[in-house]
Amino acid sequence: MGEIRKVRIRNIDGPYRVADEAISLKKNKVGFYKKNYSQYNWEELRESFDKYGYDTDKFGYITVVGCNTCENKDKYVLRDGNHRLYILREMFGDEHFVSVNLVKGYTVPFKLKCGWCERVKELSKKTSGKLELTNVIVISTSFLVLYLKPTLIFMGVLLGIIIISVTGIFDIKKETYNKHSLKFGGTAGKLINIVKNIPIITMVISSIYYVWYLITMNIYAFMLIVGFTVIMGYLIGYYENKEENNWKEGGK
């Protein structure tokens, strides 16, 4: 449990602020807000507020994170309870004070750490880690030298598929899916399932074509890369097991 304090709603930053737009745009294509706001059961939450109010004993506090070193110490970031905070804002406005649970503070500016650098240092301490690093370097270099152009094209295709997927263009309304889904049979159900899986189908076809292209482009190099990867995978697994056994024996 953190510190309980009363703060103005306008001083809390969180995704609830975009709920107005997300709720009004029922057909919006932004998956996150569509799922968390447009399809959320707001009426049930309003009925709960009418019946119980903002009952922290029953439902707990809205949780926020504060900043210890910011110039404006009255600003908070919402961590949990965005739907309840939206209703409170709807009922009382931005100037209303609400009791929240301030769980911790964060400090800025902070020193950015190189996560990959730390991971490399950790791996380099063990034989299995050194083999893993060697595998990554050799395979990456091989693709960079031998297959740079097709690899860049393939990665571009995958990136395009991901971007199109997150727009929600292939989303099917829940009611429509339940009515015509494949489990009920019918041509409509099959078509719906095909539409929903277009990104995955496209990704699989692209991957198969990419591998086939690599094979036909230079089959000997491809075989060497696959063989090297298999051997390194075996060695990495072998030394990981050995190191784990040594650690268990040393801990006894």
Protein backbone atom coordinates (compact mmCIF):
# COMPACT_ATOMS: atom_id res chain seq x y z
CA MET A 1 0.00 0.00 0.00
CA GLY A 2 1.34 3.40 -0.92
CA GLU A 3 0.42 6.86 0.28
CA ILE A 4 -3.25 7.87 0.19
CA ARG A 5 -3.73 11.48 -0.91
CA LYS A 6 -6.37 13.66 -2.55
CA VAL A 7 -5.51 15.12 -5.95
CA ARG A 8 -7.36 16.98 -8.68
CA ILE A 9 -8.52 14.86 -11.59
CA ARG A 10 -6.95 17.28 -14.09
CA ASN A 11 -3.53 16.57 -12.54
CA ILE A 12 -3.66 12.88 -13.46
CA ASP A 13 -2.46 11.91 -16.93
CA GLY A 14 -3.85 8.69 -18.34
CA PRO A 15 -5.58 7.02 -21.29
CA TYR A 16 -9.01 7.88 -19.84
CA ARG A 17 -8.63 11.33 -21.42
CA VAL A 18 -9.17 9.94 -24.90
CA ALA A 19 -12.24 7.95 -23.89
CA ASP A 20 -14.62 10.69 -25.10
CA GLU A 21 -13.42 10.37 -28.68
CA ALA A 22 -13.09 6.59 -28.55
CA ILE A 23 -16.63 6.14 -27.25
CA SER A 24 -18.16 8.48 -29.83
CA LEU A 25 -16.31 6.83 -32.70
CA LYS A 26 -17.79 3.35 -32.47
CA LYS A 27 -16.17 2.31 -35.75
CA ASN A 28 -12.71 3.63 -35.01
CA LYS A 29 -9.88 1.43 -36.17
CA VAL A 30 -7.51 1.96 -33.24
CA GLY A 31 -7.53 -1.48 -31.66
CA PHE A 32 -6.45 -0.52 -28.14
CA TYR A 33 -9.04 2.20 -27.61
CA LYS A 34 -11.71 0.28 -29.49
CA LYS A 35 -11.27 -2.67 -27.15
CA ASN A 36 -10.81 -0.74 -23.90
CA TYR A 37 -13.31 2.06 -24.37
CA SER A 38 -15.79 1.63 -27.22
CA GLN A 39 -16.58 -1.95 -26.20
CA TYR A 40 -16.38 -1.39 -22.43
CA ASN A 41 -19.58 -1.79 -20.40
CA TRP A 42 -19.85 1.82 -19.24
CA GLU A 43 -23.48 1.54 -18.18
CA GLU A 44 -22.66 -1.21 -15.71
CA LEU A 45 -19.90 0.94 -14.21
CA ARG A 46 -22.23 3.95 -13.96
CA GLU A 47 -24.83 1.80 -12.20
CA SER A 48 -22.12 0.67 -9.77
CA PHE A 49 -21.25 4.31 -9.04
CA ASP A 50 -24.93 5.16 -8.54
CA LYS A 51 -25.23 2.28 -6.07
CA TYR A 52 -21.91 2.37 -4.21
CA GLY A 53 -20.21 5.60 -5.23
CA TYR A 54 -16.42 5.69 -5.21
CA ASP A 55 -16.19 3.01 -2.52
CA THR A 56 -12.50 2.44 -1.88
CA ASP A 57 -13.18 -0.14 0.83
CA LYS A 58 -15.10 -2.28 -1.65
CA PHE A 59 -13.18 -1.67 -4.89
CA GLY A 60 -9.85 -0.23 -3.81
CA TYR A 61 -8.22 3.08 -4.71
CA ILE A 62 -7.37 4.48 -8.12
CA THR A 63 -3.60 4.03 -8.34
CA VAL A 64 -1.19 6.69 -9.58
CA VAL A 65 2.57 7.19 -9.86
CA GLY A 66 4.16 10.49 -8.93
CA CYS A 67 7.41 12.21 -9.81
CA ASN A 68 9.87 12.96 -6.99
CA THR A 69 12.11 15.39 -8.87
CA CYS A 70 9.73 17.14 -11.27
CA GLU A 71 9.18 20.90 -10.90
CA ASN A 72 5.43 20.33 -10.69
CA LYS A 73 4.99 17.74 -7.97
CA ASP A 74 1.20 17.80 -8.37
CA LYS A 75 1.31 15.86 -11.64
CA TYR A 76 0.63 12.12 -11.60
CA VAL A 77 0.51 9.25 -14.09
CA LEU A 78 -2.42 6.87 -13.92
CA ARG A 79 -1.45 3.27 -13.22
CA ASP A 80 -4.78 1.55 -12.46
CA GLY A 81 -8.43 2.62 -12.48
CA ASN A 82 -8.72 4.60 -15.73
CA HIS A 83 -12.39 3.63 -16.25
CA ARG A 84 -13.40 4.75 -12.76
CA LEU A 85 -11.44 7.96 -13.14
CA TYR A 86 -13.23 8.66 -16.42
CA ILE A 87 -16.63 8.29 -14.70
CA LEU A 88 -15.56 10.55 -11.85
CA ARG A 89 -14.40 13.14 -14.37
CA GLU A 90 -17.71 12.79 -16.20
CA MET A 91 -19.67 13.27 -12.97
CA PHE A 92 -17.70 16.02 -11.22
CA GLY A 93 -15.29 17.57 -13.74
CA ASP A 94 -11.53 18.13 -13.84
CA GLU A 95 -11.39 20.24 -10.67
CA HIS A 96 -12.82 17.51 -8.45
CA PHE A 97 -10.53 16.06 -5.78
CA VAL A 98 -10.31 12.27 -5.66
CA SER A 99 -8.53 10.02 -3.17
CA VAL A 100 -5.82 7.97 -4.86
CA ASN A 101 -3.12 5.52 -3.88
CA LEU A 102 0.31 6.96 -4.69
CA VAL A 103 2.31 3.74 -4.93
CA LYS A 104 5.75 5.10 -5.73
CA GLY A 105 7.63 7.98 -7.26
CA TYR A 106 9.93 8.03 -10.25
CA THR A 107 13.02 10.18 -10.61
CA VAL A 108 13.98 12.25 -13.64
CA PRO A 109 16.32 12.81 -15.28
CA PHE A 110 17.51 9.24 -15.17
CA LYS A 111 20.51 7.56 -16.67
CA LEU A 112 19.65 5.40 -19.62
CA LYS A 113 21.13 1.93 -19.45
CA CYS A 114 22.20 -0.13 -22.41
CA GLY A 115 20.12 -3.26 -21.92
CA TRP A 116 21.84 -5.11 -24.75
CA CYS A 117 25.27 -4.18 -23.33
CA GLU A 118 24.31 -5.63 -19.96
CA ARG A 119 23.00 -8.75 -21.67
CA VAL A 120 26.26 -9.17 -23.63
CA LYS A 121 28.30 -8.82 -20.43
CA GLU A 122 26.12 -11.43 -18.75
CA LEU A 123 26.40 -13.87 -21.66
CA SER A 124 30.16 -13.44 -22.00
CA LYS A 125 30.67 -14.83 -18.48
CA LYS A 126 29.56 -18.34 -19.48
CA THR A 127 30.59 -20.75 -22.24
CA SER A 128 26.99 -21.19 -23.38
CA GLY A 129 26.62 -17.41 -23.53
CA LYS A 130 29.80 -17.01 -25.59
CA LEU A 131 28.52 -19.64 -28.02
CA GLU A 132 25.18 -17.84 -28.24
CA LEU A 133 26.90 -14.55 -29.04
CA THR A 134 29.09 -16.26 -31.63
CA ASN A 135 26.02 -17.80 -33.25
CA VAL A 136 24.27 -14.42 -33.49
CA ILE A 137 27.33 -12.68 -34.91
CA VAL A 138 28.11 -15.38 -37.50
CA ILE A 139 24.51 -15.75 -38.71
CA SER A 140 23.96 -11.97 -38.83
CA THR A 141 27.17 -11.46 -40.78
CA SER A 142 26.30 -14.27 -43.17
CA PHE A 143 22.92 -12.79 -43.98
CA LEU A 144 24.44 -9.32 -44.23
CA VAL A 145 27.01 -10.48 -46.77
CA LEU A 146 25.00 -13.07 -48.72
CA TYR A 147 21.34 -12.14 -48.40
CA LEU A 148 21.15 -8.45 -47.56
CA LYS A 149 18.74 -7.36 -50.29
CA PRO A 150 16.15 -10.19 -49.98
CA THR A 151 16.31 -9.96 -46.18
CA LEU A 152 15.62 -6.22 -46.21
CA ILE A 153 12.69 -6.76 -48.60
CA PHE A 154 11.33 -9.56 -46.42
CA MET A 155 11.62 -7.46 -43.25
CA GLY A 156 9.87 -4.61 -45.04
CA VAL A 157 7.01 -6.93 -45.99
CA LEU A 158 6.69 -8.14 -42.39
CA LEU A 159 6.73 -4.57 -41.10
CA GLY A 160 3.99 -3.64 -43.56
CA ILE A 161 1.88 -6.60 -42.44
CA ILE A 162 2.29 -5.62 -38.79
CA ILE A 163 1.40 -1.97 -39.45
CA ILE A 164 -1.71 -2.93 -41.42
CA SER A 165 -2.72 -5.46 -38.75
CA VAL A 166 -2.61 -2.97 -35.85
CA THR A 167 -4.90 -0.56 -37.71
CA GLY A 168 -7.71 -3.06 -37.13
CA ILE A 169 -8.69 -3.16 -40.79
CA PHE A 170 -9.26 -6.91 -40.54
CA ASP A 171 -11.24 -6.72 -37.29
CA ILE A 172 -14.61 -8.44 -37.24
CA LYS A 173 -17.29 -7.23 -34.85
CA LYS A 174 -17.86 -9.65 -32.00
CA GLU A 175 -21.57 -9.94 -32.77
CA THR A 176 -20.90 -10.71 -36.43
CA TYR A 177 -18.24 -13.27 -35.57
CA ASN A 178 -20.48 -15.06 -33.05
CA LYS A 179 -23.30 -15.17 -35.58
CA HIS A 180 -21.36 -16.44 -38.58
CA SER A 181 -18.16 -17.98 -37.14
CA LEU A 182 -16.83 -21.26 -38.40
CA LYS A 183 -18.12 -23.22 -35.41
CA PHE A 184 -21.64 -22.64 -36.75
CA GLY A 185 -20.62 -23.68 -40.26
CA GLY A 186 -21.54 -22.01 -43.52
CA THR A 187 -19.73 -20.08 -46.22
CA ALA A 188 -19.99 -16.80 -44.30
CA GLY A 189 -18.20 -18.32 -41.33
CA LYS A 190 -15.36 -19.59 -43.51
CA LEU A 191 -15.04 -16.21 -45.21
CA ILE A 192 -14.92 -14.40 -41.85
CA ASN A 193 -12.16 -16.69 -40.60
CA ILE A 194 -10.16 -16.14 -43.81
CA VAL A 195 -10.49 -12.35 -43.47
CA LYS A 196 -9.43 -12.45 -39.79
CA ASN A 197 -6.39 -14.54 -40.65
CA ILE A 198 -5.24 -12.62 -43.75
CA PRO A 199 -2.21 -11.10 -41.91
CA ILE A 200 -1.06 -14.52 -40.66
CA ILE A 201 -1.68 -16.15 -44.05
CA THR A 202 0.28 -13.40 -45.81
CA MET A 203 3.12 -13.69 -43.30
CA VAL A 204 3.34 -17.47 -43.77
CA ILE A 205 3.32 -17.21 -47.57
CA SER A 206 5.98 -14.47 -47.46
CA SER A 207 8.16 -16.56 -45.13
CA ILE A 208 7.90 -19.63 -47.36
CA TYR A 209 8.77 -17.58 -50.44
CA TYR A 210 11.68 -15.92 -48.61
CA VAL A 211 13.18 -19.27 -47.54
CA TRP A 212 12.65 -20.71 -51.03
CA TYR A 213 14.35 -17.67 -52.56
CA LEU A 214 17.33 -18.05 -50.23
CA ILE A 215 17.67 -21.71 -51.16
CA THR A 216 17.52 -21.08 -54.91
CA MET A 217 19.78 -18.04 -54.65
CA ASN A 218 22.64 -19.94 -52.97
CA ILE A 219 21.69 -23.39 -51.71
CA TYR A 220 25.19 -24.27 -50.46
CA ALA A 221 25.45 -21.14 -48.34
CA PHE A 222 21.95 -21.76 -47.02
CA MET A 223 22.85 -25.35 -46.06
CA LEU A 224 25.99 -24.14 -44.31
CA ILE A 225 24.02 -21.54 -42.33
CA VAL A 226 21.35 -24.08 -41.31
CA GLY A 227 24.00 -26.67 -40.38
CA PHE A 228 25.98 -24.14 -38.36
CA THR A 229 22.82 -23.02 -36.53
CA VAL A 230 21.86 -26.61 -35.66
CA ILE A 231 25.35 -27.44 -34.36
CA MET A 232 25.55 -24.23 -32.32
CA GLY A 233 22.09 -24.87 -30.91
CA TYR A 234 23.19 -28.30 -29.74
CA LEU A 235 26.39 -26.93 -28.18
CA ILE A 236 24.56 -24.08 -26.45
CA GLY A 237 22.04 -26.53 -24.99
CA TYR A 238 24.79 -28.90 -23.90
CA TYR A 239 26.77 -26.23 -22.06
CA GLU A 240 23.64 -24.67 -20.53
CA ASN A 241 22.76 -28.05 -18.99
CA LYS A 242 26.33 -28.56 -17.85
CA GLU A 243 26.50 -25.12 -16.24
CA GLU A 244 23.15 -25.62 -14.57
CA ASN A 245 24.27 -28.96 -13.11
CA ASN A 246 27.52 -27.40 -11.87
CA TRP A 247 25.52 -24.60 -10.24
CA LYS A 248 23.21 -27.08 -8.50
CA GLU A 249 26.15 -29.17 -7.26
CA GLY A 250 27.94 -26.06 -6.04
CA GLY A 251 24.83 -24.90 -4.18
CA LYS A 252 24.52 -28.13 -2.20
